[in-house]
Amino acid sequence: MKQRLGPFLKRPFGTQAYELELPEYWKIHPIISIEQLEPAPNDPDPFERPVDERPRTVTDDA
């Protein structure tokens, strides 16, 4: 089973890519080739996992 989330489309980026609006903590580049994109699923998550949108807390222990 593929794990897919979305929709994250923000705007076209040229003719062969899209800029995605992703959570900042994902740490991946937001420009994705259209070859890698699929329509977002319309059905709910079969595992009913919560999506954590909170930013991670960074602490300096020094």
PDB file of N, CA and C in Angstrom:
ATOM      1  N   MET A   1       0.837  -1.175   0.000  1.00  0.00           N
ATOM      2  CA  MET A   1       0.000   0.000   0.000  1.00  0.00           C
ATOM      3  C   MET A   1       0.883   1.239   0.000  1.00  0.00           C
ATOM      4  N   LYS A   2       0.616   2.140  -0.921  1.00  0.00           N
ATOM      5  CA  LYS A   2       1.358   3.395  -0.970  1.00  0.00           C
ATOM      6  C   LYS A   2       0.852   4.334   0.110  1.00  0.00           C
ATOM      7  N   GLN A   3       1.770   5.089   0.683  1.00  0.00           N
ATOM      8  CA  GLN A   3       1.374   6.110   1.645  1.00  0.00           C
ATOM      9  C   GLN A   3       1.406   7.450   0.942  1.00  0.00           C
ATOM     10  N   ARG A   4       0.266   8.077   0.845  1.00  0.00           N
ATOM     11  CA  ARG A   4       0.142   9.364   0.160  1.00  0.00           C
ATOM     12  C   ARG A   4      -0.644  10.318   1.036  1.00  0.00           C
ATOM     13  N   LEU A   5      -0.248  11.574   1.008  1.00  0.00           N
ATOM     14  CA  LEU A   5      -0.964  12.628   1.715  1.00  0.00           C
ATOM     15  C   LEU A   5      -1.210  13.767   0.753  1.00  0.00           C
ATOM     16  N   GLY A   6      -2.111  14.627   1.102  1.00  0.00           N
ATOM     17  CA  GLY A   6      -2.322  15.788   0.262  1.00  0.00           C
ATOM     18  C   GLY A   6      -3.722  16.325   0.437  1.00  0.00           C
ATOM     19  N   PRO A   7      -4.120  17.277  -0.305  1.00  0.00           N
ATOM     20  CA  PRO A   7      -3.393  17.966  -1.381  1.00  0.00           C
ATOM     21  C   PRO A   7      -2.487  19.067  -0.848  1.00  0.00           C
ATOM     22  N   PHE A   8      -1.364  19.268  -1.495  1.00  0.00           N
ATOM     23  CA  PHE A   8      -0.389  20.269  -1.093  1.00  0.00           C
ATOM     24  C   PHE A   8      -0.048  21.249  -2.214  1.00  0.00           C
ATOM     25  N   LEU A   9      -0.740  21.195  -3.341  1.00  0.00           N
ATOM     26  CA  LEU A   9      -0.394  22.059  -4.471  1.00  0.00           C
ATOM     27  C   LEU A   9      -0.514  23.531  -4.101  1.00  0.00           C
ATOM     28  N   LYS A  10       0.527  24.274  -4.427  1.00  0.00           N
ATOM     29  CA  LYS A  10       0.525  25.712  -4.181  1.00  0.00           C
ATOM     30  C   LYS A  10       0.395  26.461  -5.502  1.00  0.00           C
ATOM     31  N   ARG A  11       1.290  26.128  -6.464  1.00  0.00           N
ATOM     32  CA  ARG A  11       1.238  26.800  -7.765  1.00  0.00           C
ATOM     33  C   ARG A  11       2.112  26.031  -8.751  1.00  0.00           C
ATOM     34  N   PRO A  12       1.823  26.165 -10.054  1.00  0.00           N
ATOM     35  CA  PRO A  12       2.706  25.563 -11.054  1.00  0.00           C
ATOM     36  C   PRO A  12       4.082  26.226 -11.006  1.00  0.00           C
ATOM     37  N   PHE A  13       5.098  25.453 -11.279  1.00  0.00           N
ATOM     38  CA  PHE A  13       6.467  25.954 -11.322  1.00  0.00           C
ATOM     39  C   PHE A  13       7.017  25.560 -12.682  1.00  0.00           C
ATOM     40  N   GLY A  14       6.873  26.443 -13.649  1.00  0.00           N
ATOM     41  CA  GLY A  14       7.222  26.099 -15.026  1.00  0.00           C
ATOM     42  C   GLY A  14       6.138  25.207 -15.605  1.00  0.00           C
ATOM     43  N   THR A  15       6.517  24.370 -16.573  1.00  0.00           N
ATOM     44  CA  THR A  15       5.534  23.494 -17.210  1.00  0.00           C
ATOM     45  C   THR A  15       5.644  22.045 -16.752  1.00  0.00           C
ATOM     46  N   GLN A  16       6.699  21.699 -16.016  1.00  0.00           N
ATOM     47  CA  GLN A  16       6.934  20.306 -15.648  1.00  0.00           C
ATOM     48  C   GLN A  16       7.028  20.067 -14.150  1.00  0.00           C
ATOM     49  N   ALA A  17       6.638  21.061 -13.341  1.00  0.00           N
ATOM     50  CA  ALA A  17       6.763  20.908 -11.890  1.00  0.00           C
ATOM     51  C   ALA A  17       5.711  21.745 -11.172  1.00  0.00           C
ATOM     52  N   TYR A  18       5.542  21.448  -9.894  1.00  0.00           N
ATOM     53  CA  TYR A  18       4.665  22.221  -9.015  1.00  0.00           C
ATOM     54  C   TYR A  18       5.408  22.556  -7.738  1.00  0.00           C
ATOM     55  N   GLU A  19       5.101  23.736  -7.217  1.00  0.00           N
ATOM     56  CA  GLU A  19       5.571  24.077  -5.881  1.00  0.00           C
ATOM     57  C   GLU A  19       4.487  23.610  -4.916  1.00  0.00           C
ATOM     58  N   LEU A  20       4.901  22.892  -3.874  1.00  0.00           N
ATOM     59  CA  LEU A  20       3.964  22.362  -2.900  1.00  0.00           C
ATOM     60  C   LEU A  20       4.041  23.150  -1.603  1.00  0.00           C
ATOM     61  N   GLU A  21       2.921  23.263  -0.928  1.00  0.00           N
ATOM     62  CA  GLU A  21       2.879  23.905   0.382  1.00  0.00           C
ATOM     63  C   GLU A  21       2.937  22.787   1.421  1.00  0.00           C
ATOM     64  N   LEU A  22       4.148  22.528   1.923  1.00  0.00           N
ATOM     65  CA  LEU A  22       4.398  21.413   2.829  1.00  0.00           C
ATOM     66  C   LEU A  22       4.646  21.905   4.247  1.00  0.00           C
ATOM     67  N   PRO A  23       4.382  21.056   5.240  1.00  0.00           N
ATOM     68  CA  PRO A  23       4.771  21.424   6.601  1.00  0.00           C
ATOM     69  C   PRO A  23       6.283  21.649   6.659  1.00  0.00           C
ATOM     70  N   GLU A  24       6.714  22.697   7.341  1.00  0.00           N
ATOM     71  CA  GLU A  24       8.128  23.067   7.373  1.00  0.00           C
ATOM     72  C   GLU A  24       9.009  21.965   7.955  1.00  0.00           C
ATOM     73  N   TYR A  25       8.477  21.208   8.901  1.00  0.00           N
ATOM     74  CA  TYR A  25       9.289  20.186   9.563  1.00  0.00           C
ATOM     75  C   TYR A  25       9.526  18.952   8.684  1.00  0.00           C
ATOM     76  N   TRP A  26       8.926  18.876   7.494  1.00  0.00           N
ATOM     77  CA  TRP A  26       9.171  17.752   6.608  1.00  0.00           C
ATOM     78  C   TRP A  26      10.574  17.786   6.020  1.00  0.00           C
ATOM     79  N   LYS A  27      11.188  18.937   5.932  1.00  0.00           N
ATOM     80  CA  LYS A  27      12.577  19.085   5.481  1.00  0.00           C
ATOM     81  C   LYS A  27      12.825  18.480   4.099  1.00  0.00           C
ATOM     82  N   ILE A  28      11.887  18.683   3.171  1.00  0.00           N
ATOM     83  CA  ILE A  28      12.121  18.268   1.791  1.00  0.00           C
ATOM     84  C   ILE A  28      11.878  19.463   0.882  1.00  0.00           C
ATOM     85  N   HIS A  29      12.456  19.413  -0.299  1.00  0.00           N
ATOM     86  CA  HIS A  29      12.342  20.520  -1.245  1.00  0.00           C
ATOM     87  C   HIS A  29      10.905  20.621  -1.745  1.00  0.00           C
ATOM     88  N   PRO A  30      10.326  21.819  -1.794  1.00  0.00           N
ATOM     89  CA  PRO A  30       8.918  21.965  -2.156  1.00  0.00           C
ATOM     90  C   PRO A  30       8.622  21.937  -3.656  1.00  0.00           C
ATOM     91  N   ILE A  31       9.639  21.893  -4.522  1.00  0.00           N
ATOM     92  CA  ILE A  31       9.410  21.838  -5.970  1.00  0.00           C
ATOM     93  C   ILE A  31       9.488  20.375  -6.404  1.00  0.00           C
ATOM     94  N   ILE A  32       8.389  19.863  -6.969  1.00  0.00           N
ATOM     95  CA  ILE A  32       8.288  18.449  -7.316  1.00  0.00           C
ATOM     96  C   ILE A  32       7.897  18.317  -8.788  1.00  0.00           C
ATOM     97  N   SER A  33       8.566  17.406  -9.497  1.00  0.00           N
ATOM     98  CA  SER A  33       8.240  17.121 -10.890  1.00  0.00           C
ATOM     99  C   SER A  33       6.834  16.543 -10.992  1.00  0.00           C
ATOM    100  N   ILE A  34       6.142  16.861 -12.082  1.00  0.00           N
ATOM    101  CA  ILE A  34       4.804  16.309 -12.282  1.00  0.00           C
ATOM    102  C   ILE A  34       4.845  14.786 -12.409  1.00  0.00           C
ATOM    103  N   GLU A  35       5.995  14.227 -12.769  1.00  0.00           N
ATOM    104  CA  GLU A  35       6.147  12.773 -12.859  1.00  0.00           C
ATOM    105  C   GLU A  35       5.960  12.109 -11.499  1.00  0.00           C
ATOM    106  N   GLN A  36       6.239  12.828 -10.421  1.00  0.00           N
ATOM    107  CA  GLN A  36       6.162  12.273  -9.069  1.00  0.00           C
ATOM    108  C   GLN A  36       4.820  12.524  -8.387  1.00  0.00           C
ATOM    109  N   LEU A  37       3.945  13.292  -9.014  1.00  0.00           N
ATOM    110  CA  LEU A  37       2.682  13.664  -8.381  1.00  0.00           C
ATOM    111  C   LEU A  37       1.547  12.736  -8.789  1.00  0.00           C
ATOM    112  N   GLU A  38       0.634  12.505  -7.848  1.00  0.00           N
ATOM    113  CA  GLU A  38      -0.585  11.746  -8.093  1.00  0.00           C
ATOM    114  C   GLU A  38      -1.737  12.516  -7.471  1.00  0.00           C
ATOM    115  N   PRO A  39      -2.950  12.306  -7.938  1.00  0.00           N
ATOM    116  CA  PRO A  39      -4.087  12.974  -7.294  1.00  0.00           C
ATOM    117  C   PRO A  39      -4.182  12.569  -5.823  1.00  0.00           C
ATOM    118  N   ALA A  40      -4.585  13.509  -4.979  1.00  0.00           N
ATOM    119  CA  ALA A  40      -4.751  13.221  -3.551  1.00  0.00           C
ATOM    120  C   ALA A  40      -5.908  12.247  -3.370  1.00  0.00           C
ATOM    121  N   PRO A  41      -5.778  11.319  -2.424  1.00  0.00           N
ATOM    122  CA  PRO A  41      -6.874  10.375  -2.197  1.00  0.00           C
ATOM    123  C   PRO A  41      -8.093  11.086  -1.621  1.00  0.00           C
ATOM    124  N   ASN A  42      -9.273  10.679  -2.061  1.00  0.00           N
ATOM    125  CA  ASN A  42     -10.513  11.244  -1.541  1.00  0.00           C
ATOM    126  C   ASN A  42     -11.000  10.503  -0.304  1.00  0.00           C
ATOM    127  N   ASP A  43     -10.515   9.272  -0.133  1.00  0.00           N
ATOM    128  CA  ASP A  43     -10.953   8.483   1.007  1.00  0.00           C
ATOM    129  C   ASP A  43     -10.123   8.827   2.246  1.00  0.00           C
ATOM    130  N   PRO A  44     -10.682   8.660   3.425  1.00  0.00           N
ATOM    131  CA  PRO A  44      -9.934   8.953   4.647  1.00  0.00           C
ATOM    132  C   PRO A  44      -8.805   7.952   4.852  1.00  0.00           C
ATOM    133  N   ASP A  45      -7.873   8.290   5.697  1.00  0.00           N
ATOM    134  CA  ASP A  45      -6.748   7.422   6.027  1.00  0.00           C
ATOM    135  C   ASP A  45      -7.286   6.105   6.593  1.00  0.00           C
ATOM    136  N   PRO A  46      -6.962   4.957   5.986  1.00  0.00           N
ATOM    137  CA  PRO A  46      -7.498   3.689   6.492  1.00  0.00           C
ATOM    138  C   PRO A  46      -7.004   3.356   7.899  1.00  0.00           C
ATOM    139  N   PHE A  47      -5.900   3.960   8.317  1.00  0.00           N
ATOM    140  CA  PHE A  47      -5.359   3.704   9.651  1.00  0.00           C
ATOM    141  C   PHE A  47      -5.791   4.767  10.654  1.00  0.00           C
ATOM    142  N   GLU A  48      -6.501   5.797  10.182  1.00  0.00           N
ATOM    143  CA  GLU A  48      -6.990   6.893  11.008  1.00  0.00           C
ATOM    144  C   GLU A  48      -5.884   7.517  11.859  1.00  0.00           C
ATOM    145  N   ARG A  49      -4.725   7.727  11.233  1.00  0.00           N
ATOM    146  CA  ARG A  49      -3.595   8.346  11.930  1.00  0.00           C
ATOM    147  C   ARG A  49      -3.811   9.848  12.025  1.00  0.00           C
ATOM    148  N   PRO A  50      -3.547  10.439  13.187  1.00  0.00           N
ATOM    149  CA  PRO A  50      -3.628  11.900  13.283  1.00  0.00           C
ATOM    150  C   PRO A  50      -2.443  12.540  12.567  1.00  0.00           C
ATOM    151  N   VAL A  51      -2.672  13.679  11.948  1.00  0.00           N
ATOM    152  CA  VAL A  51      -1.601  14.425  11.290  1.00  0.00           C
ATOM    153  C   VAL A  51      -1.123  15.484  12.268  1.00  0.00           C
ATOM    154  N   ASP A  52       0.144  15.399  12.658  1.00  0.00           N
ATOM    155  CA  ASP A  52       0.716  16.335  13.622  1.00  0.00           C
ATOM    156  C   ASP A  52       1.279  17.533  12.875  1.00  0.00           C
ATOM    157  N   GLU A  53       0.623  18.667  12.974  1.00  0.00           N
ATOM    158  CA  GLU A  53       1.044  19.886  12.291  1.00  0.00           C
ATOM    159  C   GLU A  53       1.882  20.794  13.188  1.00  0.00           C
ATOM    160  N   ARG A  54       2.122  20.380  14.425  1.00  0.00           N
ATOM    161  CA  ARG A  54       2.874  21.224  15.355  1.00  0.00           C
ATOM    162  C   ARG A  54       4.361  21.215  15.002  1.00  0.00           C
ATOM    163  N   PRO A  55       5.021  22.364  15.107  1.00  0.00           N
ATOM    164  CA  PRO A  55       6.471  22.386  14.880  1.00  0.00           C
ATOM    165  C   PRO A  55       7.185  21.709  16.042  1.00  0.00           C
ATOM    166  N   ARG A  56       8.316  21.134  15.758  1.00  0.00           N
ATOM    167  CA  ARG A  56       9.113  20.486  16.799  1.00  0.00           C
ATOM    168  C   ARG A  56       9.832  21.531  17.635  1.00  0.00           C
ATOM    169  N   THR A  57       9.982  21.251  18.911  1.00  0.00           N
ATOM    170  CA  THR A  57      10.687  22.148  19.817  1.00  0.00           C
ATOM    171  C   THR A  57      12.168  21.802  19.798  1.00  0.00           C
ATOM    172  N   VAL A  58      13.005  22.804  19.604  1.00  0.00           N
ATOM    173  CA  VAL A  58      14.455  22.616  19.606  1.00  0.00           C
ATOM    174  C   VAL A  58      14.995  23.227  20.883  1.00  0.00           C
ATOM    175  N   THR A  59      15.787  22.446  21.614  1.00  0.00           N
ATOM    176  CA  THR A  59      16.383  22.954  22.847  1.00  0.00           C
ATOM    177  C   THR A  59      17.891  22.920  22.728  1.00  0.00           C
ATOM    178  N   ASP A  60      18.536  23.847  23.388  1.00  0.00           N
ATOM    179  CA  ASP A  60      19.995  23.923  23.408  1.00  0.00           C
ATOM    180  C   ASP A  60      20.452  23.528  24.804  1.00  0.00           C
ATOM    181  N   ASP A  61      21.017  22.328  24.926  1.00  0.00           N
ATOM    182  CA  ASP A  61      21.442  21.821  26.229  1.00  0.00           C
ATOM    183  C   ASP A  61      22.846  22.269  26.606  1.00  0.00           C
ATOM    184  N   ALA A  62      23.462  23.121  25.809  1.00  0.00           N
ATOM    185  CA  ALA A  62      24.837  23.550  26.085  1.00  0.00           C
ATOM    186  C   ALA A  62      24.909  24.539  27.222  1.00  0.00           C
TER     187      ALA A  62
END
